[in-house]
Amino acid sequence: MQRTFIPCYVMTSALFLDACTTVNLAPGADQVRITDKAMDVTTCKALGNLRTPKNDQGLVDISLAQKQFRNDAVGLGANVALVTEGFLSVPVAGIAYRCP
């Protein structure tokens, strides 16, 4: 009985630790506008590509995706981030822009 209990405990601990991962917004990241409309960035300067990090299973953590996306955008000096893969609420990839 103890053998089956230990693996369950280890799995539960691993899930709990994974769920405790948090991402804080970098200064200015809350000001980054996220859009999925290319028309919004026609007069802007592209600064670089954005890609939300994936976990060991190759999946994006939906609870952290937008914060990570904003942090990466502000790190490139962007004030707008165009989502090219994913959704506004769960961006997977995109382009950082500096708009007037």
PDB file of N, CA and C in Angstrom:
ATOM      1  N   MET A   1       0.820  -1.193   0.000  1.00  0.00           N
ATOM      2  CA  MET A   1       0.000   0.000   0.000  1.00  0.00           C
ATOM      3  C   MET A   1       0.861   1.252   0.000  1.00  0.00           C
ATOM      4  N   GLN A   2       1.958   1.199   0.665  1.00  0.00           N
ATOM      5  CA  GLN A   2       2.835   2.364   0.742  1.00  0.00           C
ATOM      6  C   GLN A   2       3.444   2.689  -0.622  1.00  0.00           C
ATOM      7  N   ARG A   3       3.670   1.697  -1.459  1.00  0.00           N
ATOM      8  CA  ARG A   3       4.254   1.929  -2.777  1.00  0.00           C
ATOM      9  C   ARG A   3       3.333   2.770  -3.665  1.00  0.00           C
ATOM     10  N   THR A   4       2.044   2.541  -3.605  1.00  0.00           N
ATOM     11  CA  THR A   4       1.131   3.319  -4.442  1.00  0.00           C
ATOM     12  C   THR A   4       0.918   4.719  -3.882  1.00  0.00           C
ATOM     13  N   PHE A   5       1.068   4.867  -2.597  1.00  0.00           N
ATOM     14  CA  PHE A   5       0.869   6.155  -1.961  1.00  0.00           C
ATOM     15  C   PHE A   5       2.016   7.122  -2.274  1.00  0.00           C
ATOM     16  N   ILE A   6       3.235   6.638  -2.301  1.00  0.00           N
ATOM     17  CA  ILE A   6       4.398   7.492  -2.555  1.00  0.00           C
ATOM     18  C   ILE A   6       4.365   8.097  -3.958  1.00  0.00           C
ATOM     19  N   PRO A   7       4.138   7.320  -5.033  1.00  0.00           N
ATOM     20  CA  PRO A   7       4.071   7.950  -6.358  1.00  0.00           C
ATOM     21  C   PRO A   7       2.971   9.008  -6.455  1.00  0.00           C
ATOM     22  N   CYS A   8       1.826   8.756  -5.822  1.00  0.00           N
ATOM     23  CA  CYS A   8       0.749   9.751  -5.859  1.00  0.00           C
ATOM     24  C   CYS A   8       1.184  11.028  -5.149  1.00  0.00           C
ATOM     25  N   TYR A   9       1.883  10.889  -4.035  1.00  0.00           N
ATOM     26  CA  TYR A   9       2.370  12.042  -3.291  1.00  0.00           C
ATOM     27  C   TYR A   9       3.374  12.832  -4.125  1.00  0.00           C
ATOM     28  N   VAL A  10       4.275  12.126  -4.804  1.00  0.00           N
ATOM     29  CA  VAL A  10       5.279  12.786  -5.639  1.00  0.00           C
ATOM     30  C   VAL A  10       4.610  13.514  -6.798  1.00  0.00           C
ATOM     31  N   MET A  11       3.641  12.886  -7.444  1.00  0.00           N
ATOM     32  CA  MET A  11       2.937  13.531  -8.557  1.00  0.00           C
ATOM     33  C   MET A  11       2.175  14.758  -8.080  1.00  0.00           C
ATOM     34  N   THR A  12       1.514  14.663  -6.949  1.00  0.00           N
ATOM     35  CA  THR A  12       0.773  15.793  -6.409  1.00  0.00           C
ATOM     36  C   THR A  12       1.710  16.935  -6.070  1.00  0.00           C
ATOM     37  N   SER A  13       2.857  16.635  -5.504  1.00  0.00           N
ATOM     38  CA  SER A  13       3.835  17.670  -5.171  1.00  0.00           C
ATOM     39  C   SER A  13       4.337  18.356  -6.422  1.00  0.00           C
ATOM     40  N   ALA A  14       4.612  17.599  -7.467  1.00  0.00           N
ATOM     41  CA  ALA A  14       5.104  18.179  -8.716  1.00  0.00           C
ATOM     42  C   ALA A  14       4.055  19.097  -9.338  1.00  0.00           C
ATOM     43  N   LEU A  15       2.801  18.680  -9.318  1.00  0.00           N
ATOM     44  CA  LEU A  15       1.736  19.520  -9.861  1.00  0.00           C
ATOM     45  C   LEU A  15       1.569  20.787  -9.042  1.00  0.00           C
ATOM     46  N   PHE A  16       1.666  20.671  -7.731  1.00  0.00           N
ATOM     47  CA  PHE A  16       1.524  21.825  -6.856  1.00  0.00           C
ATOM     48  C   PHE A  16       2.648  22.824  -7.102  1.00  0.00           C
ATOM     49  N   LEU A  17       3.871  22.356  -7.226  1.00  0.00           N
ATOM     50  CA  LEU A  17       4.997  23.249  -7.469  1.00  0.00           C
ATOM     51  C   LEU A  17       4.892  23.916  -8.824  1.00  0.00           C
ATOM     52  N   ASP A  18       4.421  23.184  -9.829  1.00  0.00           N
ATOM     53  CA  ASP A  18       4.260  23.754 -11.156  1.00  0.00           C
ATOM     54  C   ASP A  18       3.182  24.836 -11.136  1.00  0.00           C
ATOM     55  N   ALA A  19       2.134  24.648 -10.370  1.00  0.00           N
ATOM     56  CA  ALA A  19       1.050  25.615 -10.296  1.00  0.00           C
ATOM     57  C   ALA A  19       1.463  26.875  -9.548  1.00  0.00           C
ATOM     58  N   CYS A  20       2.538  26.813  -8.779  1.00  0.00           N
ATOM     59  CA  CYS A  20       2.988  27.959  -8.007  1.00  0.00           C
ATOM     60  C   CYS A  20       3.866  28.906  -8.816  1.00  0.00           C
ATOM     61  N   THR A  21       4.187  28.576 -10.039  1.00  0.00           N
ATOM     62  CA  THR A  21       5.005  29.429 -10.875  1.00  0.00           C
ATOM     63  C   THR A  21       4.245  30.718 -11.166  1.00  0.00           C
ATOM     64  N   THR A  22       4.919  31.838 -10.934  1.00  0.00           N
ATOM     65  CA  THR A  22       4.285  33.125 -11.208  1.00  0.00           C
ATOM     66  C   THR A  22       5.220  33.977 -12.045  1.00  0.00           C
ATOM     67  N   VAL A  23       4.635  34.915 -12.749  1.00  0.00           N
ATOM     68  CA  VAL A  23       5.392  35.876 -13.532  1.00  0.00           C
ATOM     69  C   VAL A  23       4.890  37.256 -13.145  1.00  0.00           C
ATOM     70  N   ASN A  24       5.794  38.111 -12.717  1.00  0.00           N
ATOM     71  CA  ASN A  24       5.432  39.481 -12.405  1.00  0.00           C
ATOM     72  C   ASN A  24       5.640  40.341 -13.639  1.00  0.00           C
ATOM     73  N   LEU A  25       4.811  41.351 -13.799  1.00  0.00           N
ATOM     74  CA  LEU A  25       4.967  42.261 -14.927  1.00  0.00           C
ATOM     75  C   LEU A  25       6.177  43.149 -14.713  1.00  0.00           C
ATOM     76  N   ALA A  26       6.957  43.314 -15.767  1.00  0.00           N
ATOM     77  CA  ALA A  26       8.100  44.219 -15.744  1.00  0.00           C
ATOM     78  C   ALA A  26       7.567  45.653 -15.736  1.00  0.00           C
ATOM     79  N   PRO A  27       8.368  46.604 -15.266  1.00  0.00           N
ATOM     80  CA  PRO A  27       7.921  47.994 -15.300  1.00  0.00           C
ATOM     81  C   PRO A  27       7.555  48.426 -16.724  1.00  0.00           C
ATOM     82  N   GLY A  28       6.371  48.968 -16.875  1.00  0.00           N
ATOM     83  CA  GLY A  28       5.881  49.419 -18.169  1.00  0.00           C
ATOM     84  C   GLY A  28       5.141  48.363 -18.969  1.00  0.00           C
ATOM     85  N   ALA A  29       5.212  47.110 -18.573  1.00  0.00           N
ATOM     86  CA  ALA A  29       4.561  46.036 -19.331  1.00  0.00           C
ATOM     87  C   ALA A  29       3.043  46.163 -19.311  1.00  0.00           C
ATOM     88  N   ASP A  30       2.502  46.735 -18.253  1.00  0.00           N
ATOM     89  CA  ASP A  30       1.051  46.913 -18.183  1.00  0.00           C
ATOM     90  C   ASP A  30       0.555  47.959 -19.189  1.00  0.00           C
ATOM     91  N   GLN A  31       1.469  48.755 -19.745  1.00  0.00           N
ATOM     92  CA  GLN A  31       1.113  49.771 -20.731  1.00  0.00           C
ATOM     93  C   GLN A  31       1.178  49.251 -22.168  1.00  0.00           C
ATOM     94  N   VAL A  32       1.704  48.045 -22.370  1.00  0.00           N
ATOM     95  CA  VAL A  32       1.805  47.463 -23.711  1.00  0.00           C
ATOM     96  C   VAL A  32       0.412  47.053 -24.177  1.00  0.00           C
ATOM     97  N   ARG A  33       0.025  47.558 -25.336  1.00  0.00           N
ATOM     98  CA  ARG A  33      -1.278  47.205 -25.913  1.00  0.00           C
ATOM     99  C   ARG A  33      -1.099  45.944 -26.755  1.00  0.00           C
ATOM    100  N   ILE A  34      -1.970  44.976 -26.549  1.00  0.00           N
ATOM    101  CA  ILE A  34      -1.922  43.737 -27.325  1.00  0.00           C
ATOM    102  C   ILE A  34      -3.052  43.761 -28.336  1.00  0.00           C
ATOM    103  N   THR A  35      -2.724  43.468 -29.590  1.00  0.00           N
ATOM    104  CA  THR A  35      -3.710  43.469 -30.666  1.00  0.00           C
ATOM    105  C   THR A  35      -3.496  42.264 -31.576  1.00  0.00           C
ATOM    106  N   ASP A  36      -4.534  41.913 -32.306  1.00  0.00           N
ATOM    107  CA  ASP A  36      -4.401  40.872 -33.320  1.00  0.00           C
ATOM    108  C   ASP A  36      -4.764  41.425 -34.698  1.00  0.00           C
ATOM    109  N   LYS A  37      -4.855  42.752 -34.785  1.00  0.00           N
ATOM    110  CA  LYS A  37      -5.208  43.417 -36.038  1.00  0.00           C
ATOM    111  C   LYS A  37      -3.978  44.096 -36.643  1.00  0.00           C
ATOM    112  N   ALA A  38      -3.545  43.623 -37.787  1.00  0.00           N
ATOM    113  CA  ALA A  38      -2.366  44.175 -38.457  1.00  0.00           C
ATOM    114  C   ALA A  38      -2.545  45.655 -38.793  1.00  0.00           C
ATOM    115  N   MET A  39      -3.770  46.081 -39.010  1.00  0.00           N
ATOM    116  CA  MET A  39      -4.048  47.491 -39.318  1.00  0.00           C
ATOM    117  C   MET A  39      -3.616  48.414 -38.171  1.00  0.00           C
ATOM    118  N   ASP A  40      -3.595  47.902 -36.947  1.00  0.00           N
ATOM    119  CA  ASP A  40      -3.230  48.716 -35.788  1.00  0.00           C
ATOM    120  C   ASP A  40      -1.749  49.091 -35.767  1.00  0.00           C
ATOM    121  N   VAL A  41      -0.936  48.407 -36.551  1.00  0.00           N
ATOM    122  CA  VAL A  41       0.506  48.642 -36.492  1.00  0.00           C
ATOM    123  C   VAL A  41       1.102  49.090 -37.835  1.00  0.00           C
ATOM    124  N   THR A  42       0.259  49.548 -38.750  1.00  0.00           N
ATOM    125  CA  THR A  42       0.745  49.937 -40.092  1.00  0.00           C
ATOM    126  C   THR A  42       1.701  51.118 -40.048  1.00  0.00           C
ATOM    127  N   THR A  43       1.568  52.010 -39.082  1.00  0.00           N
ATOM    128  CA  THR A  43       2.440  53.184 -38.999  1.00  0.00           C
ATOM    129  C   THR A  43       3.531  53.016 -37.937  1.00  0.00           C
ATOM    130  N   CYS A  44       3.711  51.799 -37.467  1.00  0.00           N
ATOM    131  CA  CYS A  44       4.642  51.533 -36.364  1.00  0.00           C
ATOM    132  C   CYS A  44       5.933  50.897 -36.865  1.00  0.00           C
ATOM    133  N   LYS A  45       6.951  50.944 -36.014  1.00  0.00           N
ATOM    134  CA  LYS A  45       8.244  50.339 -36.333  1.00  0.00           C
ATOM    135  C   LYS A  45       8.355  48.981 -35.642  1.00  0.00           C
ATOM    136  N   ALA A  46       8.609  47.943 -36.437  1.00  0.00           N
ATOM    137  CA  ALA A  46       8.793  46.595 -35.882  1.00  0.00           C
ATOM    138  C   ALA A  46      10.124  46.528 -35.138  1.00  0.00           C
ATOM    139  N   LEU A  47      10.100  45.953 -33.947  1.00  0.00           N
ATOM    140  CA  LEU A  47      11.305  45.868 -33.113  1.00  0.00           C
ATOM    141  C   LEU A  47      11.850  44.452 -32.972  1.00  0.00           C
ATOM    142  N   GLY A  48      11.005  43.468 -33.164  1.00  0.00           N
ATOM    143  CA  GLY A  48      11.463  42.084 -33.028  1.00  0.00           C
ATOM    144  C   GLY A  48      10.326  41.117 -32.827  1.00  0.00           C
ATOM    145  N   ASN A  49      10.662  39.859 -32.913  1.00  0.00           N
ATOM    146  CA  ASN A  49       9.673  38.790 -32.761  1.00  0.00           C
ATOM    147  C   ASN A  49       9.477  38.444 -31.295  1.00  0.00           C
ATOM    148  N   LEU A  50       8.277  37.997 -30.985  1.00  0.00           N
ATOM    149  CA  LEU A  50       7.923  37.567 -29.634  1.00  0.00           C
ATOM    150  C   LEU A  50       7.469  36.117 -29.682  1.00  0.00           C
ATOM    151  N   ARG A  51       7.852  35.338 -28.691  1.00  0.00           N
ATOM    152  CA  ARG A  51       7.396  33.956 -28.580  1.00  0.00           C
ATOM    153  C   ARG A  51       7.260  33.640 -27.098  1.00  0.00           C
ATOM    154  N   THR A  52       6.065  33.215 -26.712  1.00  0.00           N
ATOM    155  CA  THR A  52       5.804  32.852 -25.327  1.00  0.00           C
ATOM    156  C   THR A  52       6.507  31.527 -25.021  1.00  0.00           C
ATOM    157  N   PRO A  53       7.259  31.458 -23.920  1.00  0.00           N
ATOM    158  CA  PRO A  53       7.955  30.214 -23.583  1.00  0.00           C
ATOM    159  C   PRO A  53       6.992  29.049 -23.374  1.00  0.00           C
ATOM    160  N   LYS A  54       7.468  27.861 -23.708  1.00  0.00           N
ATOM    161  CA  LYS A  54       6.677  26.640 -23.528  1.00  0.00           C
ATOM    162  C   LYS A  54       7.290  25.805 -22.415  1.00  0.00           C
ATOM    163  N   ASN A  55       6.477  24.971 -21.792  1.00  0.00           N
ATOM    164  CA  ASN A  55       6.966  24.105 -20.720  1.00  0.00           C
ATOM    165  C   ASN A  55       7.625  22.850 -21.306  1.00  0.00           C
ATOM    166  N   ASP A  56       7.983  21.915 -20.454  1.00  0.00           N
ATOM    167  CA  ASP A  56       8.659  20.683 -20.879  1.00  0.00           C
ATOM    168  C   ASP A  56       7.822  19.835 -21.835  1.00  0.00           C
ATOM    169  N   GLN A  57       6.513  19.985 -21.766  1.00  0.00           N
ATOM    170  CA  GLN A  57       5.626  19.231 -22.651  1.00  0.00           C
ATOM    171  C   GLN A  57       5.352  19.980 -23.954  1.00  0.00           C
ATOM    172  N   GLY A  58       5.956  21.142 -24.131  1.00  0.00           N
ATOM    173  CA  GLY A  58       5.765  21.925 -25.349  1.00  0.00           C
ATOM    174  C   GLY A  58       4.487  22.745 -25.357  1.00  0.00           C
ATOM    175  N   LEU A  59       3.934  22.995 -24.177  1.00  0.00           N
ATOM    176  CA  LEU A  59       2.689  23.745 -24.065  1.00  0.00           C
ATOM    177  C   LEU A  59       2.931  25.114 -23.437  1.00  0.00           C
ATOM    178  N   VAL A  60       2.107  26.075 -23.809  1.00  0.00           N
ATOM    179  CA  VAL A  60       2.154  27.411 -23.228  1.00  0.00           C
ATOM    180  C   VAL A  60       1.276  27.417 -21.986  1.00  0.00           C
ATOM    181  N   ASP A  61       1.766  27.984 -20.902  1.00  0.00           N
ATOM    182  CA  ASP A  61       0.976  28.110 -19.677  1.00  0.00           C
ATOM    183  C   ASP A  61      -0.006  29.255 -19.885  1.00  0.00           C
ATOM    184  N   ILE A  62      -1.284  28.935 -20.024  1.00  0.00           N
ATOM    185  CA  ILE A  62      -2.273  29.955 -20.359  1.00  0.00           C
ATOM    186  C   ILE A  62      -2.425  31.014 -19.277  1.00  0.00           C
ATOM    187  N   SER A  63      -2.116  30.674 -18.042  1.00  0.00           N
ATOM    188  CA  SER A  63      -2.248  31.647 -16.955  1.00  0.00           C
ATOM    189  C   SER A  63      -1.113  32.663 -16.947  1.00  0.00           C
ATOM    190  N   LEU A  64      -0.007  32.363 -17.612  1.00  0.00           N
ATOM    191  CA  LEU A  64       1.155  33.250 -17.618  1.00  0.00           C
ATOM    192  C   LEU A  64       1.455  33.860 -18.977  1.00  0.00           C
ATOM    193  N   ALA A  65       0.814  33.370 -20.028  1.00  0.00           N
ATOM    194  CA  ALA A  65       1.170  33.737 -21.400  1.00  0.00           C
ATOM    195  C   ALA A  65       1.135  35.244 -21.655  1.00  0.00           C
ATOM    196  N   GLN A  66       0.059  35.909 -21.266  1.00  0.00           N
ATOM    197  CA  GLN A  66      -0.062  37.326 -21.569  1.00  0.00           C
ATOM    198  C   GLN A  66       0.983  38.164 -20.817  1.00  0.00           C
ATOM    199  N   LYS A  67       1.263  37.807 -19.574  1.00  0.00           N
ATOM    200  CA  LYS A  67       2.281  38.541 -18.816  1.00  0.00           C
ATOM    201  C   LYS A  67       3.662  38.357 -19.443  1.00  0.00           C
ATOM    202  N   GLN A  68       3.984  37.132 -19.827  1.00  0.00           N
ATOM    203  CA  GLN A  68       5.278  36.870 -20.460  1.00  0.00           C
ATOM    204  C   GLN A  68       5.391  37.613 -21.787  1.00  0.00           C
ATOM    205  N   PHE A  69       4.308  37.627 -22.552  1.00  0.00           N
ATOM    206  CA  PHE A  69       4.268  38.310 -23.840  1.00  0.00           C
ATOM    207  C   PHE A  69       4.496  39.810 -23.653  1.00  0.00           C
ATOM    208  N   ARG A  70       3.817  40.408 -22.687  1.00  0.00           N
ATOM    209  CA  ARG A  70       3.981  41.834 -22.390  1.00  0.00           C
ATOM    210  C   ARG A  70       5.406  42.141 -21.921  1.00  0.00           C
ATOM    211  N   ASN A  71       5.942  41.293 -21.050  1.00  0.00           N
ATOM    212  CA  ASN A  71       7.304  41.499 -20.552  1.00  0.00           C
ATOM    213  C   ASN A  71       8.323  41.460 -21.687  1.00  0.00           C
ATOM    214  N   ASP A  72       8.173  40.496 -22.585  1.00  0.00           N
ATOM    215  CA  ASP A  72       9.094  40.398 -23.721  1.00  0.00           C
ATOM    216  C   ASP A  72       8.969  41.615 -24.627  1.00  0.00           C
ATOM    217  N   ALA A  73       7.747  42.087 -24.835  1.00  0.00           N
ATOM    218  CA  ALA A  73       7.527  43.254 -25.689  1.00  0.00           C
ATOM    219  C   ALA A  73       8.168  44.502 -25.096  1.00  0.00           C
ATOM    220  N   VAL A  74       7.939  44.736 -23.821  1.00  0.00           N
ATOM    221  CA  VAL A  74       8.520  45.925 -23.187  1.00  0.00           C
ATOM    222  C   VAL A  74      10.042  45.812 -23.130  1.00  0.00           C
ATOM    223  N   GLY A  75      10.548  44.605 -23.045  1.00  0.00           N
ATOM    224  CA  GLY A  75      11.998  44.396 -23.064  1.00  0.00           C
ATOM    225  C   GLY A  75      12.630  44.815 -24.389  1.00  0.00           C
ATOM    226  N   LEU A  76      11.862  44.766 -25.455  1.00  0.00           N
ATOM    227  CA  LEU A  76      12.339  45.204 -26.771  1.00  0.00           C
ATOM    228  C   LEU A  76      12.068  46.693 -27.008  1.00  0.00           C
ATOM    229  N   GLY A  77      11.417  47.341 -26.042  1.00  0.00           N
ATOM    230  CA  GLY A  77      11.091  48.758 -26.181  1.00  0.00           C
ATOM    231  C   GLY A  77       9.772  49.018 -26.869  1.00  0.00           C
ATOM    232  N   ALA A  78       8.917  48.014 -26.925  1.00  0.00           N
ATOM    233  CA  ALA A  78       7.635  48.125 -27.635  1.00  0.00           C
ATOM    234  C   ALA A  78       6.550  48.713 -26.745  1.00  0.00           C
ATOM    235  N   ASN A  79       5.568  49.333 -27.402  1.00  0.00           N
ATOM    236  CA  ASN A  79       4.367  49.752 -26.691  1.00  0.00           C
ATOM    237  C   ASN A  79       3.126  49.068 -27.258  1.00  0.00           C
ATOM    238  N   VAL A  80       3.315  48.278 -28.335  1.00  0.00           N
ATOM    239  CA  VAL A  80       2.238  47.478 -28.923  1.00  0.00           C
ATOM    240  C   VAL A  80       2.813  46.116 -29.308  1.00  0.00           C
ATOM    241  N   ALA A  81       2.024  45.070 -29.081  1.00  0.00           N
ATOM    242  CA  ALA A  81       2.426  43.720 -29.467  1.00  0.00           C
ATOM    243  C   ALA A  81       1.338  43.115 -30.345  1.00  0.00           C
ATOM    244  N   LEU A  82       1.717  42.718 -31.543  1.00  0.00           N
ATOM    245  CA  LEU A  82       0.785  42.099 -32.488  1.00  0.00           C
ATOM    246  C   LEU A  82       0.849  40.584 -32.323  1.00  0.00           C
ATOM    247  N   VAL A  83      -0.278  39.974 -32.011  1.00  0.00           N
ATOM    248  CA  VAL A  83      -0.363  38.521 -31.856  1.00  0.00           C
ATOM    249  C   VAL A  83      -0.515  37.897 -33.239  1.00  0.00           C
ATOM    250  N   THR A  84       0.423  37.020 -33.613  1.00  0.00           N
ATOM    251  CA  THR A  84       0.356  36.324 -34.903  1.00  0.00           C
ATOM    252  C   THR A  84      -0.011  34.855 -34.738  1.00  0.00           C
ATOM    253  N   GLU A  85       0.167  34.324 -33.543  1.00  0.00           N
ATOM    254  CA  GLU A  85      -0.249  32.954 -33.205  1.00  0.00           C
ATOM    255  C   GLU A  85      -0.888  32.979 -31.833  1.00  0.00           C
ATOM    256  N   GLY A  86      -2.008  32.299 -31.705  1.00  0.00           N
ATOM    257  CA  GLY A  86      -2.701  32.257 -30.426  1.00  0.00           C
ATOM    258  C   GLY A  86      -3.863  33.227 -30.404  1.00  0.00           C
ATOM    259  N   PHE A  87      -4.211  33.652 -29.203  1.00  0.00           N
ATOM    260  CA  PHE A  87      -5.339  34.544 -28.986  1.00  0.00           C
ATOM    261  C   PHE A  87      -4.872  35.759 -28.198  1.00  0.00           C
ATOM    262  N   LEU A  88      -5.690  36.790 -28.137  1.00  0.00           N
ATOM    263  CA  LEU A  88      -5.319  37.969 -27.349  1.00  0.00           C
ATOM    264  C   LEU A  88      -5.076  37.595 -25.890  1.00  0.00           C
ATOM    265  N   SER A  89      -5.899  36.724 -25.352  1.00  0.00           N
ATOM    266  CA  SER A  89      -5.752  36.327 -23.954  1.00  0.00           C
ATOM    267  C   SER A  89      -4.638  35.305 -23.739  1.00  0.00           C
ATOM    268  N   VAL A  90      -4.261  34.571 -24.791  1.00  0.00           N
ATOM    269  CA  VAL A  90      -3.190  33.570 -24.704  1.00  0.00           C
ATOM    270  C   VAL A  90      -2.308  33.701 -25.947  1.00  0.00           C
ATOM    271  N   PRO A  91      -1.488  34.748 -25.979  1.00  0.00           N
ATOM    272  CA  PRO A  91      -0.609  34.919 -27.145  1.00  0.00           C
ATOM    273  C   PRO A  91       0.520  33.889 -27.137  1.00  0.00           C
ATOM    274  N   VAL A  92       0.805  33.327 -28.295  1.00  0.00           N
ATOM    275  CA  VAL A  92       1.866  32.329 -28.436  1.00  0.00           C
ATOM    276  C   VAL A  92       3.070  32.937 -29.166  1.00  0.00           C
ATOM    277  N   ALA A  93       2.801  33.705 -30.211  1.00  0.00           N
ATOM    278  CA  ALA A  93       3.871  34.352 -30.965  1.00  0.00           C
ATOM    279  C   ALA A  93       3.346  35.661 -31.524  1.00  0.00           C
ATOM    280  N   GLY A  94       4.279  36.553 -31.814  1.00  0.00           N
ATOM    281  CA  GLY A  94       3.879  37.841 -32.359  1.00  0.00           C
ATOM    282  C   GLY A  94       5.072  38.713 -32.687  1.00  0.00           C
ATOM    283  N   ILE A  95       4.785  39.995 -32.894  1.00  0.00           N
ATOM    284  CA  ILE A  95       5.812  40.977 -33.249  1.00  0.00           C
ATOM    285  C   ILE A  95       5.654  42.183 -32.343  1.00  0.00           C
ATOM    286  N   ALA A  96       6.763  42.659 -31.818  1.00  0.00           N
ATOM    287  CA  ALA A  96       6.773  43.849 -30.977  1.00  0.00           C
ATOM    288  C   ALA A  96       6.927  45.084 -31.849  1.00  0.00           C
ATOM    289  N   TYR A  97       6.140  46.117 -31.549  1.00  0.00           N
ATOM    290  CA  TYR A  97       6.168  47.360 -32.326  1.00  0.00           C
ATOM    291  C   TYR A  97       6.290  48.567 -31.401  1.00  0.00           C
ATOM    292  N   ARG A  98       6.903  49.613 -31.940  1.00  0.00           N
ATOM    293  CA  ARG A  98       6.914  50.925 -31.292  1.00  0.00           C
ATOM    294  C   ARG A  98       6.040  51.820 -32.148  1.00  0.00           C
ATOM    295  N   CYS A  99       4.944  52.272 -31.575  1.00  0.00           N
ATOM    296  CA  CYS A  99       3.989  53.103 -32.311  1.00  0.00           C
ATOM    297  C   CYS A  99       3.986  54.528 -31.739  1.00  0.00           C
ATOM    298  N   PRO A 100       3.697  55.472 -32.631  1.00  0.00           N
ATOM    299  CA  PRO A 100       3.637  56.875 -32.171  1.00  0.00           C
ATOM    300  C   PRO A 100       2.456  57.120 -31.247  1.00  0.00           C
TER     301      PRO A 100
END
